[in-house]
Amino acid sequence: MTTTGAGATAPLETVAENSPHESPEPTTHGYHKQKDEHLKRLRRIEGQIRGLQRMVDEDVYCIDILTQVSASTKALQSFALQLLEEHLRHCVADAALKGGTEIDAKVEEATKAIGRLLRT
């Protein structure tokens, strides 16, 4: 769940609900070569978030918590940018090599993803 203000929550978006990329055949994504590194990085970010929970539970000074929130946010943003770069290098570049209208769809998809990242 995500907080939508005043304590209300909304369900998190899921890939299955919002991704036009489901296919019965397995695909290799741009992040495949660094998958282990990405998972390690995400576990580290998860640890930062658990640390935030612990800080709140232990009544740590709010400014110190905000400092850690900022660090966690930057870590997620950095991860997102790395994933975006890999998408551009792999998926968009592949579509460009194939030619046709697929490149337009991939560029539009990447542009929307960048837009979502900028709204944060």
PDB file of N, CA and C in Angstrom:
ATOM      1  N   MET A   1       0.829  -1.183   0.000  1.00  0.00           N
ATOM      2  CA  MET A   1       0.000   0.000   0.000  1.00  0.00           C
ATOM      3  C   MET A   1       0.876   1.250   0.000  1.00  0.00           C
ATOM      4  N   THR A   2       0.410   2.287  -0.620  1.00  0.00           N
ATOM      5  CA  THR A   2       1.108   3.566  -0.598  1.00  0.00           C
ATOM      6  C   THR A   2       0.229   4.577   0.104  1.00  0.00           C
ATOM      7  N   THR A   3       0.848   5.522   0.774  1.00  0.00           N
ATOM      8  CA  THR A   3       0.091   6.564   1.443  1.00  0.00           C
ATOM      9  C   THR A   3      -0.279   7.621   0.427  1.00  0.00           C
ATOM     10  N   THR A   4      -1.559   8.029   0.464  1.00  0.00           N
ATOM     11  CA  THR A   4      -2.021   9.023  -0.502  1.00  0.00           C
ATOM     12  C   THR A   4      -2.365  10.328   0.172  1.00  0.00           C
ATOM     13  N   GLY A   5      -1.931  10.512   1.388  1.00  0.00           N
ATOM     14  CA  GLY A   5      -2.207  11.737   2.131  1.00  0.00           C
ATOM     15  C   GLY A   5      -3.190  11.461   3.239  1.00  0.00           C
ATOM     16  N   ALA A   6      -3.134  12.217   4.289  1.00  0.00           N
ATOM     17  CA  ALA A   6      -4.045  12.126   5.439  1.00  0.00           C
ATOM     18  C   ALA A   6      -4.222  10.698   5.926  1.00  0.00           C
ATOM     19  N   GLY A   7      -3.180   9.862   5.774  1.00  0.00           N
ATOM     20  CA  GLY A   7      -3.231   8.512   6.302  1.00  0.00           C
ATOM     21  C   GLY A   7      -3.954   7.521   5.409  1.00  0.00           C
ATOM     22  N   ALA A   8      -4.540   7.951   4.311  1.00  0.00           N
ATOM     23  CA  ALA A   8      -5.222   7.035   3.407  1.00  0.00           C
ATOM     24  C   ALA A   8      -4.193   6.231   2.634  1.00  0.00           C
ATOM     25  N   THR A   9      -4.584   5.064   2.201  1.00  0.00           N
ATOM     26  CA  THR A   9      -3.668   4.239   1.432  1.00  0.00           C
ATOM     27  C   THR A   9      -4.303   3.819   0.125  1.00  0.00           C
ATOM     28  N   ALA A  10      -3.449   3.582  -0.841  1.00  0.00           N
ATOM     29  CA  ALA A  10      -3.876   3.087  -2.139  1.00  0.00           C
ATOM     30  C   ALA A  10      -2.988   1.906  -2.487  1.00  0.00           C
ATOM     31  N   PRO A  11      -3.500   0.945  -3.239  1.00  0.00           N
ATOM     32  CA  PRO A  11      -2.667  -0.215  -3.573  1.00  0.00           C
ATOM     33  C   PRO A  11      -1.496   0.194  -4.455  1.00  0.00           C
ATOM     34  N   LEU A  12      -0.365  -0.469  -4.243  1.00  0.00           N
ATOM     35  CA  LEU A  12       0.795  -0.244  -5.100  1.00  0.00           C
ATOM     36  C   LEU A  12       0.489  -0.756  -6.488  1.00  0.00           C
ATOM     37  N   GLU A  13       1.048  -0.108  -7.492  1.00  0.00           N
ATOM     38  CA  GLU A  13       0.884  -0.589  -8.854  1.00  0.00           C
ATOM     39  C   GLU A  13       1.670  -1.882  -8.993  1.00  0.00           C
ATOM     40  N   THR A  14       1.133  -2.808  -9.737  1.00  0.00           N
ATOM     41  CA  THR A  14       1.860  -4.039  -9.975  1.00  0.00           C
ATOM     42  C   THR A  14       2.208  -4.125 -11.443  1.00  0.00           C
ATOM     43  N   VAL A  15       3.257  -4.846 -11.729  1.00  0.00           N
ATOM     44  CA  VAL A  15       3.693  -5.003 -13.108  1.00  0.00           C
ATOM     45  C   VAL A  15       2.599  -5.678 -13.924  1.00  0.00           C
ATOM     46  N   ALA A  16       1.948  -6.680 -13.361  1.00  0.00           N
ATOM     47  CA  ALA A  16       0.927  -7.415 -14.093  1.00  0.00           C
ATOM     48  C   ALA A  16      -0.215  -6.502 -14.523  1.00  0.00           C
ATOM     49  N   GLU A  17      -0.570  -5.538 -13.688  1.00  0.00           N
ATOM     50  CA  GLU A  17      -1.684  -4.660 -13.998  1.00  0.00           C
ATOM     51  C   GLU A  17      -1.305  -3.564 -14.981  1.00  0.00           C
ATOM     52  N   ASN A  18      -0.064  -3.165 -15.012  1.00  0.00           N
ATOM     53  CA  ASN A  18       0.321  -1.979 -15.761  1.00  0.00           C
ATOM     54  C   ASN A  18       1.357  -2.204 -16.844  1.00  0.00           C
ATOM     55  N   SER A  19       1.722  -3.420 -17.103  1.00  0.00           N
ATOM     56  CA  SER A  19       2.770  -3.664 -18.078  1.00  0.00           C
ATOM     57  C   SER A  19       2.210  -4.338 -19.327  1.00  0.00           C
ATOM     58  N   PRO A  20       2.468  -3.738 -20.463  1.00  0.00           N
ATOM     59  CA  PRO A  20       2.037  -4.361 -21.711  1.00  0.00           C
ATOM     60  C   PRO A  20       3.036  -5.410 -22.193  1.00  0.00           C
ATOM     61  N   HIS A  21       4.015  -5.779 -21.359  1.00  0.00           N
ATOM     62  CA  HIS A  21       5.132  -6.604 -21.794  1.00  0.00           C
ATOM     63  C   HIS A  21       5.048  -8.044 -21.340  1.00  0.00           C
ATOM     64  N   GLU A  22       3.873  -8.476 -20.914  1.00  0.00           N
ATOM     65  CA  GLU A  22       3.748  -9.862 -20.517  1.00  0.00           C
ATOM     66  C   GLU A  22       3.721 -10.712 -21.778  1.00  0.00           C
ATOM     67  N   SER A  23       4.490 -11.765 -21.790  1.00  0.00           N
ATOM     68  CA  SER A  23       4.458 -12.672 -22.921  1.00  0.00           C
ATOM     69  C   SER A  23       4.727 -14.072 -22.410  1.00  0.00           C
ATOM     70  N   PRO A  24       4.176 -15.061 -23.057  1.00  0.00           N
ATOM     71  CA  PRO A  24       4.382 -16.434 -22.611  1.00  0.00           C
ATOM     72  C   PRO A  24       5.814 -16.908 -22.803  1.00  0.00           C
ATOM     73  N   GLU A  25       6.546 -16.267 -23.699  1.00  0.00           N
ATOM     74  CA  GLU A  25       7.924 -16.674 -23.940  1.00  0.00           C
ATOM     75  C   GLU A  25       8.877 -15.885 -23.047  1.00  0.00           C
ATOM     76  N   PRO A  26       9.920 -16.548 -22.536  1.00  0.00           N
ATOM     77  CA  PRO A  26      10.872 -15.830 -21.674  1.00  0.00           C
ATOM     78  C   PRO A  26      11.667 -14.806 -22.485  1.00  0.00           C
ATOM     79  N   THR A  27      11.942 -13.670 -21.860  1.00  0.00           N
ATOM     80  CA  THR A  27      12.726 -12.640 -22.521  1.00  0.00           C
ATOM     81  C   THR A  27      13.913 -12.282 -21.644  1.00  0.00           C
ATOM     82  N   THR A  28      14.953 -11.774 -22.270  1.00  0.00           N
ATOM     83  CA  THR A  28      16.114 -11.300 -21.537  1.00  0.00           C
ATOM     84  C   THR A  28      16.017  -9.792 -21.472  1.00  0.00           C
ATOM     85  N   HIS A  29      15.966  -9.265 -20.270  1.00  0.00           N
ATOM     86  CA  HIS A  29      15.843  -7.831 -20.078  1.00  0.00           C
ATOM     87  C   HIS A  29      17.228  -7.192 -19.990  1.00  0.00           C
ATOM     88  N   GLY A  30      17.264  -5.880 -20.167  1.00  0.00           N
ATOM     89  CA  GLY A  30      18.522  -5.150 -20.172  1.00  0.00           C
ATOM     90  C   GLY A  30      19.318  -5.279 -18.884  1.00  0.00           C
ATOM     91  N   TYR A  31      18.633  -5.511 -17.785  1.00  0.00           N
ATOM     92  CA  TYR A  31      19.324  -5.606 -16.495  1.00  0.00           C
ATOM     93  C   TYR A  31      19.839  -7.010 -16.201  1.00  0.00           C
ATOM     94  N   HIS A  32      19.587  -7.954 -17.097  1.00  0.00           N
ATOM     95  CA  HIS A  32      19.903  -9.366 -16.859  1.00  0.00           C
ATOM     96  C   HIS A  32      21.360  -9.603 -16.451  1.00  0.00           C
ATOM     97  N   LYS A  33      22.293  -8.953 -17.117  1.00  0.00           N
ATOM     98  CA  LYS A  33      23.714  -9.187 -16.836  1.00  0.00           C
ATOM     99  C   LYS A  33      24.113  -8.720 -15.439  1.00  0.00           C
ATOM    100  N   GLN A  34      23.400  -7.735 -14.895  1.00  0.00           N
ATOM    101  CA  GLN A  34      23.712  -7.215 -13.560  1.00  0.00           C
ATOM    102  C   GLN A  34      22.652  -7.596 -12.523  1.00  0.00           C
ATOM    103  N   LYS A  35      21.891  -8.617 -12.810  1.00  0.00           N
ATOM    104  CA  LYS A  35      20.778  -8.987 -11.932  1.00  0.00           C
ATOM    105  C   LYS A  35      21.236  -9.207 -10.488  1.00  0.00           C
ATOM    106  N   ASP A  36      22.298  -9.949 -10.289  1.00  0.00           N
ATOM    107  CA  ASP A  36      22.786 -10.211  -8.927  1.00  0.00           C
ATOM    108  C   ASP A  36      23.197  -8.920  -8.226  1.00  0.00           C
ATOM    109  N   GLU A  37      23.863  -8.033  -8.961  1.00  0.00           N
ATOM    110  CA  GLU A  37      24.263  -6.741  -8.385  1.00  0.00           C
ATOM    111  C   GLU A  37      23.047  -5.905  -8.022  1.00  0.00           C
ATOM    112  N   HIS A  38      22.032  -5.925  -8.885  1.00  0.00           N
ATOM    113  CA  HIS A  38      20.806  -5.174  -8.607  1.00  0.00           C
ATOM    114  C   HIS A  38      20.088  -5.716  -7.371  1.00  0.00           C
ATOM    115  N   LEU A  39      20.022  -7.034  -7.271  1.00  0.00           N
ATOM    116  CA  LEU A  39      19.361  -7.627  -6.108  1.00  0.00           C
ATOM    117  C   LEU A  39      20.112  -7.286  -4.820  1.00  0.00           C
ATOM    118  N   LYS A  40      21.450  -7.293  -4.887  1.00  0.00           N
ATOM    119  CA  LYS A  40      22.260  -6.916  -3.730  1.00  0.00           C
ATOM    120  C   LYS A  40      21.977  -5.462  -3.340  1.00  0.00           C
ATOM    121  N   ARG A  41      21.910  -4.607  -4.338  1.00  0.00           N
ATOM    122  CA  ARG A  41      21.647  -3.184  -4.107  1.00  0.00           C
ATOM    123  C   ARG A  41      20.258  -2.977  -3.490  1.00  0.00           C
ATOM    124  N   LEU A  42      19.273  -3.704  -4.016  1.00  0.00           N
ATOM    125  CA  LEU A  42      17.909  -3.589  -3.482  1.00  0.00           C
ATOM    126  C   LEU A  42      17.818  -4.115  -2.049  1.00  0.00           C
ATOM    127  N   ARG A  43      18.559  -5.153  -1.745  1.00  0.00           N
ATOM    128  CA  ARG A  43      18.583  -5.644  -0.352  1.00  0.00           C
ATOM    129  C   ARG A  43      19.196  -4.604   0.582  1.00  0.00           C
ATOM    130  N   ARG A  44      20.204  -3.886   0.087  1.00  0.00           N
ATOM    131  CA  ARG A  44      20.823  -2.827   0.883  1.00  0.00           C
ATOM    132  C   ARG A  44      19.814  -1.696   1.123  1.00  0.00           C
ATOM    133  N   ILE A  45      19.051  -1.339   0.087  1.00  0.00           N
ATOM    134  CA  ILE A  45      18.021  -0.303   0.225  1.00  0.00           C
ATOM    135  C   ILE A  45      16.930  -0.779   1.180  1.00  0.00           C
ATOM    136  N   GLU A  46      16.567  -2.038   1.073  1.00  0.00           N
ATOM    137  CA  GLU A  46      15.574  -2.605   1.997  1.00  0.00           C
ATOM    138  C   GLU A  46      16.064  -2.479   3.440  1.00  0.00           C
ATOM    139  N   GLY A  47      17.357  -2.710   3.645  1.00  0.00           N
ATOM    140  CA  GLY A  47      17.942  -2.552   4.974  1.00  0.00           C
ATOM    141  C   GLY A  47      17.836  -1.116   5.463  1.00  0.00           C
ATOM    142  N   GLN A  48      18.027  -0.161   4.543  1.00  0.00           N
ATOM    143  CA  GLN A  48      17.887   1.252   4.919  1.00  0.00           C
ATOM    144  C   GLN A  48      16.451   1.546   5.367  1.00  0.00           C
ATOM    145  N   ILE A  49      15.483   0.988   4.669  1.00  0.00           N
ATOM    146  CA  ILE A  49      14.080   1.216   5.011  1.00  0.00           C
ATOM    147  C   ILE A  49      13.759   0.577   6.361  1.00  0.00           C
ATOM    148  N   ARG A  50      14.269  -0.613   6.594  1.00  0.00           N
ATOM    149  CA  ARG A  50      14.065  -1.247   7.908  1.00  0.00           C
ATOM    150  C   ARG A  50      14.725  -0.415   9.008  1.00  0.00           C
ATOM    151  N   GLY A  51      15.865   0.200   8.677  1.00  0.00           N
ATOM    152  CA  GLY A  51      16.521   1.088   9.627  1.00  0.00           C
ATOM    153  C   GLY A  51      15.651   2.289   9.962  1.00  0.00           C
ATOM    154  N   LEU A  52      14.941   2.808   8.968  1.00  0.00           N
ATOM    155  CA  LEU A  52      14.003   3.909   9.213  1.00  0.00           C
ATOM    156  C   LEU A  52      12.899   3.482  10.170  1.00  0.00           C
ATOM    157  N   GLN A  53      12.370   2.293   9.956  1.00  0.00           N
ATOM    158  CA  GLN A  53      11.337   1.778  10.859  1.00  0.00           C
ATOM    159  C   GLN A  53      11.866   1.683  12.283  1.00  0.00           C
ATOM    160  N   ARG A  54      13.080   1.178  12.405  1.00  0.00           N
ATOM    161  CA  ARG A  54      13.699   1.031  13.723  1.00  0.00           C
ATOM    162  C   ARG A  54      13.907   2.399  14.378  1.00  0.00           C
ATOM    163  N   MET A  55      14.341   3.389  13.580  1.00  0.00           N
ATOM    164  CA  MET A  55      14.567   4.732  14.114  1.00  0.00           C
ATOM    165  C   MET A  55      13.265   5.328  14.661  1.00  0.00           C
ATOM    166  N   VAL A  56      12.177   5.144  13.925  1.00  0.00           N
ATOM    167  CA  VAL A  56      10.885   5.655  14.395  1.00  0.00           C
ATOM    168  C   VAL A  56      10.470   4.908  15.662  1.00  0.00           C
ATOM    169  N   ASP A  57      10.641   3.597  15.645  1.00  0.00           N
ATOM    170  CA  ASP A  57      10.287   2.789  16.810  1.00  0.00           C
ATOM    171  C   ASP A  57      11.078   3.208  18.049  1.00  0.00           C
ATOM    172  N   GLU A  58      12.322   3.628  17.845  1.00  0.00           N
ATOM    173  CA  GLU A  58      13.193   4.011  18.955  1.00  0.00           C
ATOM    174  C   GLU A  58      13.120   5.504  19.261  1.00  0.00           C
ATOM    175  N   ASP A  59      12.168   6.220  18.639  1.00  0.00           N
ATOM    176  CA  ASP A  59      11.956   7.648  18.876  1.00  0.00           C
ATOM    177  C   ASP A  59      13.215   8.486  18.628  1.00  0.00           C
ATOM    178  N   VAL A  60      13.891   8.207  17.531  1.00  0.00           N
ATOM    179  CA  VAL A  60      15.075   8.970  17.147  1.00  0.00           C
ATOM    180  C   VAL A  60      14.645  10.371  16.706  1.00  0.00           C
ATOM    181  N   TYR A  61      15.514  11.333  16.882  1.00  0.00           N
ATOM    182  CA  TYR A  61      15.255  12.724  16.523  1.00  0.00           C
ATOM    183  C   TYR A  61      14.814  12.814  15.057  1.00  0.00           C
ATOM    184  N   CYS A  62      13.766  13.581  14.799  1.00  0.00           N
ATOM    185  CA  CYS A  62      13.140  13.619  13.469  1.00  0.00           C
ATOM    186  C   CYS A  62      14.101  14.046  12.363  1.00  0.00           C
ATOM    187  N   ILE A  63      14.986  14.972  12.626  1.00  0.00           N
ATOM    188  CA  ILE A  63      15.937  15.417  11.598  1.00  0.00           C
ATOM    189  C   ILE A  63      16.870  14.281  11.202  1.00  0.00           C
ATOM    190  N   ASP A  64      17.262  13.462  12.161  1.00  0.00           N
ATOM    191  CA  ASP A  64      18.106  12.312  11.850  1.00  0.00           C
ATOM    192  C   ASP A  64      17.361  11.309  10.970  1.00  0.00           C
ATOM    193  N   ILE A  65      16.076  11.126  11.236  1.00  0.00           N
ATOM    194  CA  ILE A  65      15.260  10.232  10.406  1.00  0.00           C
ATOM    195  C   ILE A  65      15.138  10.806   9.003  1.00  0.00           C
ATOM    196  N   LEU A  66      14.891  12.104   8.902  1.00  0.00           N
ATOM    197  CA  LEU A  66      14.775  12.740   7.587  1.00  0.00           C
ATOM    198  C   LEU A  66      16.058  12.608   6.780  1.00  0.00           C
ATOM    199  N   THR A  67      17.196  12.666   7.444  1.00  0.00           N
ATOM    200  CA  THR A  67      18.475  12.477   6.767  1.00  0.00           C
ATOM    201  C   THR A  67      18.540  11.079   6.155  1.00  0.00           C
ATOM    202  N   GLN A  68      18.076  10.096   6.900  1.00  0.00           N
ATOM    203  CA  GLN A  68      18.074   8.724   6.394  1.00  0.00           C
ATOM    204  C   GLN A  68      17.033   8.523   5.299  1.00  0.00           C
ATOM    205  N   VAL A  69      15.898   9.217   5.392  1.00  0.00           N
ATOM    206  CA  VAL A  69      14.888   9.166   4.328  1.00  0.00           C
ATOM    207  C   VAL A  69      15.512   9.695   3.035  1.00  0.00           C
ATOM    208  N   SER A  70      16.237  10.787   3.132  1.00  0.00           N
ATOM    209  CA  SER A  70      16.893  11.367   1.968  1.00  0.00           C
ATOM    210  C   SER A  70      17.888  10.384   1.362  1.00  0.00           C
ATOM    211  N   ALA A  71      18.671   9.733   2.188  1.00  0.00           N
ATOM    212  CA  ALA A  71      19.657   8.763   1.699  1.00  0.00           C
ATOM    213  C   ALA A  71      18.962   7.590   1.014  1.00  0.00           C
ATOM    214  N   SER A  72      17.870   7.122   1.576  1.00  0.00           N
ATOM    215  CA  SER A  72      17.121   6.006   0.986  1.00  0.00           C
ATOM    216  C   SER A  72      16.505   6.415  -0.346  1.00  0.00           C
ATOM    217  N   THR A  73      15.966   7.619  -0.392  1.00  0.00           N
ATOM    218  CA  THR A  73      15.370   8.133  -1.625  1.00  0.00           C
ATOM    219  C   THR A  73      16.421   8.238  -2.725  1.00  0.00           C
ATOM    220  N   LYS A  74      17.577   8.769  -2.387  1.00  0.00           N
ATOM    221  CA  LYS A  74      18.655   8.903  -3.374  1.00  0.00           C
ATOM    222  C   LYS A  74      19.123   7.535  -3.859  1.00  0.00           C
ATOM    223  N   ALA A  75      19.176   6.557  -2.957  1.00  0.00           N
ATOM    224  CA  ALA A  75      19.584   5.208  -3.353  1.00  0.00           C
ATOM    225  C   ALA A  75      18.588   4.614  -4.348  1.00  0.00           C
ATOM    226  N   LEU A  76      17.290   4.803  -4.110  1.00  0.00           N
ATOM    227  CA  LEU A  76      16.279   4.312  -5.047  1.00  0.00           C
ATOM    228  C   LEU A  76      16.342   5.053  -6.379  1.00  0.00           C
ATOM    229  N   GLN A  77      16.554   6.348  -6.327  1.00  0.00           N
ATOM    230  CA  GLN A  77      16.665   7.122  -7.562  1.00  0.00           C
ATOM    231  C   GLN A  77      17.874   6.673  -8.382  1.00  0.00           C
ATOM    232  N   SER A  78      18.967   6.421  -7.715  1.00  0.00           N
ATOM    233  CA  SER A  78      20.171   5.956  -8.398  1.00  0.00           C
ATOM    234  C   SER A  78      19.926   4.589  -9.043  1.00  0.00           C
ATOM    235  N   PHE A  79      19.253   3.718  -8.328  1.00  0.00           N
ATOM    236  CA  PHE A  79      18.910   2.408  -8.869  1.00  0.00           C
ATOM    237  C   PHE A  79      18.016   2.565 -10.105  1.00  0.00           C
ATOM    238  N   ALA A  80      17.026   3.438 -10.008  1.00  0.00           N
ATOM    239  CA  ALA A  80      16.099   3.663 -11.123  1.00  0.00           C
ATOM    240  C   ALA A  80      16.842   4.188 -12.356  1.00  0.00           C
ATOM    241  N   LEU A  81      17.781   5.102 -12.151  1.00  0.00           N
ATOM    242  CA  LEU A  81      18.539   5.637 -13.282  1.00  0.00           C
ATOM    243  C   LEU A  81      19.404   4.563 -13.944  1.00  0.00           C
ATOM    244  N   GLN A  82      19.985   3.690 -13.132  1.00  0.00           N
ATOM    245  CA  GLN A  82      20.783   2.593 -13.682  1.00  0.00           C
ATOM    246  C   GLN A  82      19.898   1.665 -14.516  1.00  0.00           C
ATOM    247  N   LEU A  83      18.720   1.358 -13.992  1.00  0.00           N
ATOM    248  CA  LEU A  83      17.792   0.502 -14.718  1.00  0.00           C
ATOM    249  C   LEU A  83      17.332   1.159 -16.017  1.00  0.00           C
ATOM    250  N   LEU A  84      17.084   2.456 -15.964  1.00  0.00           N
ATOM    251  CA  LEU A  84      16.681   3.189 -17.162  1.00  0.00           C
ATOM    252  C   LEU A  84      17.795   3.164 -18.207  1.00  0.00           C
ATOM    253  N   GLU A  85      19.027   3.381 -17.778  1.00  0.00           N
ATOM    254  CA  GLU A  85      20.153   3.335 -18.708  1.00  0.00           C
ATOM    255  C   GLU A  85      20.249   1.965 -19.372  1.00  0.00           C
ATOM    256  N   GLU A  86      20.082   0.916 -18.588  1.00  0.00           N
ATOM    257  CA  GLU A  86      20.150  -0.432 -19.144  1.00  0.00           C
ATOM    258  C   GLU A  86      19.001  -0.668 -20.123  1.00  0.00           C
ATOM    259  N   HIS A  87      17.833  -0.119 -19.824  1.00  0.00           N
ATOM    260  CA  HIS A  87      16.696  -0.238 -20.741  1.00  0.00           C
ATOM    261  C   HIS A  87      17.012   0.452 -22.073  1.00  0.00           C
ATOM    262  N   LEU A  88      17.574   1.638 -21.983  1.00  0.00           N
ATOM    263  CA  LEU A  88      17.908   2.371 -23.204  1.00  0.00           C
ATOM    264  C   LEU A  88      18.963   1.624 -24.017  1.00  0.00           C
ATOM    265  N   ARG A  89      19.987   1.138 -23.340  1.00  0.00           N
ATOM    266  CA  ARG A  89      21.071   0.440 -24.041  1.00  0.00           C
ATOM    267  C   ARG A  89      20.620  -0.885 -24.637  1.00  0.00           C
ATOM    268  N   HIS A  90      19.695  -1.557 -23.982  1.00  0.00           N
ATOM    269  CA  HIS A  90      19.294  -2.884 -24.433  1.00  0.00           C
ATOM    270  C   HIS A  90      18.017  -2.839 -25.271  1.00  0.00           C
ATOM    271  N   CYS A  91      16.921  -2.450 -24.672  1.00  0.00           N
ATOM    272  CA  CYS A  91      15.612  -2.537 -25.328  1.00  0.00           C
ATOM    273  C   CYS A  91      15.431  -1.495 -26.425  1.00  0.00           C
ATOM    274  N   VAL A  92      15.776  -0.252 -26.132  1.00  0.00           N
ATOM    275  CA  VAL A  92      15.596   0.803 -27.130  1.00  0.00           C
ATOM    276  C   VAL A  92      16.603   0.619 -28.271  1.00  0.00           C
ATOM    277  N   ALA A  93      17.834   0.319 -27.936  1.00  0.00           N
ATOM    278  CA  ALA A  93      18.843   0.107 -28.974  1.00  0.00           C
ATOM    279  C   ALA A  93      18.479  -1.095 -29.841  1.00  0.00           C
ATOM    280  N   ASP A  94      17.963  -2.162 -29.246  1.00  0.00           N
ATOM    281  CA  ASP A  94      17.543  -3.338 -29.996  1.00  0.00           C
ATOM    282  C   ASP A  94      16.415  -2.983 -30.966  1.00  0.00           C
ATOM    283  N   ALA A  95      15.450  -2.197 -30.486  1.00  0.00           N
ATOM    284  CA  ALA A  95      14.340  -1.771 -31.345  1.00  0.00           C
ATOM    285  C   ALA A  95      14.852  -0.912 -32.498  1.00  0.00           C
ATOM    286  N   ALA A  96      15.845  -0.073 -32.231  1.00  0.00           N
ATOM    287  CA  ALA A  96      16.408   0.779 -33.287  1.00  0.00           C
ATOM    288  C   ALA A  96      17.087  -0.076 -34.361  1.00  0.00           C
ATOM    289  N   LEU A  97      17.770  -1.120 -33.938  1.00  0.00           N
ATOM    290  CA  LEU A  97      18.425  -2.010 -34.899  1.00  0.00           C
ATOM    291  C   LEU A  97      17.419  -2.762 -35.758  1.00  0.00           C
ATOM    292  N   LYS A  98      16.290  -3.146 -35.150  1.00  0.00           N
ATOM    293  CA  LYS A  98      15.258  -3.875 -35.885  1.00  0.00           C
ATOM    294  C   LYS A  98      14.530  -2.972 -36.874  1.00  0.00           C
ATOM    295  N   GLY A  99      14.480  -1.692 -36.551  1.00  0.00           N
ATOM    296  CA  GLY A  99      13.782  -0.751 -37.426  1.00  0.00           C
ATOM    297  C   GLY A  99      12.275  -0.857 -37.269  1.00  0.00           C
ATOM    298  N   GLY A 100      11.569  -0.241 -38.164  1.00  0.00           N
ATOM    299  CA  GLY A 100      10.116  -0.289 -38.114  1.00  0.00           C
ATOM    300  C   GLY A 100       9.553   0.635 -37.048  1.00  0.00           C
ATOM    301  N   THR A 101       8.338   0.366 -36.647  1.00  0.00           N
ATOM    302  CA  THR A 101       7.648   1.236 -35.689  1.00  0.00           C
ATOM    303  C   THR A 101       7.956   0.891 -34.234  1.00  0.00           C
ATOM    304  N   GLU A 102       8.633  -0.214 -34.007  1.00  0.00           N
ATOM    305  CA  GLU A 102       8.936  -0.618 -32.628  1.00  0.00           C
ATOM    306  C   GLU A 102       9.771   0.434 -31.902  1.00  0.00           C
ATOM    307  N   ILE A 103      10.651   1.112 -32.603  1.00  0.00           N
ATOM    308  CA  ILE A 103      11.493   2.138 -31.979  1.00  0.00           C
ATOM    309  C   ILE A 103      10.643   3.257 -31.407  1.00  0.00           C
ATOM    310  N   ASP A 104       9.596   3.661 -32.139  1.00  0.00           N
ATOM    311  CA  ASP A 104       8.725   4.721 -31.640  1.00  0.00           C
ATOM    312  C   ASP A 104       8.056   4.302 -30.334  1.00  0.00           C
ATOM    313  N   ALA A 105       7.607   3.064 -30.281  1.00  0.00           N
ATOM    314  CA  ALA A 105       6.950   2.555 -29.073  1.00  0.00           C
ATOM    315  C   ALA A 105       7.926   2.518 -27.899  1.00  0.00           C
ATOM    316  N   LYS A 106       9.166   2.090 -28.158  1.00  0.00           N
ATOM    317  CA  LYS A 106      10.166   2.009 -27.089  1.00  0.00           C
ATOM    318  C   LYS A 106      10.572   3.394 -26.593  1.00  0.00           C
ATOM    319  N   VAL A 107      10.708   4.346 -27.495  1.00  0.00           N
ATOM    320  CA  VAL A 107      11.050   5.714 -27.090  1.00  0.00           C
ATOM    321  C   VAL A 107       9.910   6.300 -26.269  1.00  0.00           C
ATOM    322  N   GLU A 108       8.677   6.088 -26.703  1.00  0.00           N
ATOM    323  CA  GLU A 108       7.524   6.579 -25.940  1.00  0.00           C
ATOM    324  C   GLU A 108       7.467   5.941 -24.550  1.00  0.00           C
ATOM    325  N   GLU A 109       7.719   4.654 -24.501  1.00  0.00           N
ATOM    326  CA  GLU A 109       7.739   3.930 -23.234  1.00  0.00           C
ATOM    327  C   GLU A 109       8.811   4.497 -22.295  1.00  0.00           C
ATOM    328  N   ALA A 110      10.000   4.738 -22.813  1.00  0.00           N
ATOM    329  CA  ALA A 110      11.094   5.293 -22.015  1.00  0.00           C
ATOM    330  C   ALA A 110      10.765   6.709 -21.555  1.00  0.00           C
ATOM    331  N   THR A 111      10.162   7.487 -22.431  1.00  0.00           N
ATOM    332  CA  THR A 111       9.783   8.854 -22.087  1.00  0.00           C
ATOM    333  C   THR A 111       8.774   8.866 -20.940  1.00  0.00           C
ATOM    334  N   LYS A 112       7.812   7.966 -20.985  1.00  0.00           N
ATOM    335  CA  LYS A 112       6.817   7.870 -19.904  1.00  0.00           C
ATOM    336  C   LYS A 112       7.482   7.441 -18.594  1.00  0.00           C
ATOM    337  N   ALA A 113       8.428   6.528 -18.693  1.00  0.00           N
ATOM    338  CA  ALA A 113       9.141   6.086 -17.493  1.00  0.00           C
ATOM    339  C   ALA A 113       9.932   7.237 -16.877  1.00  0.00           C
ATOM    340  N   ILE A 114      10.573   8.027 -17.711  1.00  0.00           N
ATOM    341  CA  ILE A 114      11.310   9.201 -17.226  1.00  0.00           C
ATOM    342  C   ILE A 114      10.349  10.180 -16.572  1.00  0.00           C
ATOM    343  N   GLY A 115       9.191  10.375 -17.186  1.00  0.00           N
ATOM    344  CA  GLY A 115       8.175  11.256 -16.612  1.00  0.00           C
ATOM    345  C   GLY A 115       7.744  10.796 -15.222  1.00  0.00           C
ATOM    346  N   ARG A 116       7.566   9.487 -15.054  1.00  0.00           N
ATOM    347  CA  ARG A 116       7.190   8.946 -13.739  1.00  0.00           C
ATOM    348  C   ARG A 116       8.305   9.188 -12.725  1.00  0.00           C
ATOM    349  N   LEU A 117       9.545   9.033 -13.154  1.00  0.00           N
ATOM    350  CA  LEU A 117      10.677   9.264 -12.244  1.00  0.00           C
ATOM    351  C   LEU A 117      10.763  10.731 -11.828  1.00  0.00           C
ATOM    352  N   LEU A 118      10.460  11.634 -12.741  1.00  0.00           N
ATOM    353  CA  LEU A 118      10.551  13.056 -12.439  1.00  0.00           C
ATOM    354  C   LEU A 118       9.431  13.527 -11.519  1.00  0.00           C
ATOM    355  N   ARG A 119       8.328  12.824 -11.489  1.00  0.00           N
ATOM    356  CA  ARG A 119       7.210  13.218 -10.623  1.00  0.00           C
ATOM    357  C   ARG A 119       7.474  12.931  -9.155  1.00  0.00           C
ATOM    358  N   THR A 120       8.502  12.188  -8.836  1.00  0.00           N
ATOM    359  CA  THR A 120       8.747  11.830  -7.436  1.00  0.00           C
ATOM    360  C   THR A 120       9.235  12.990  -6.621  1.00  0.00           C
TER     361      THR A 120
END
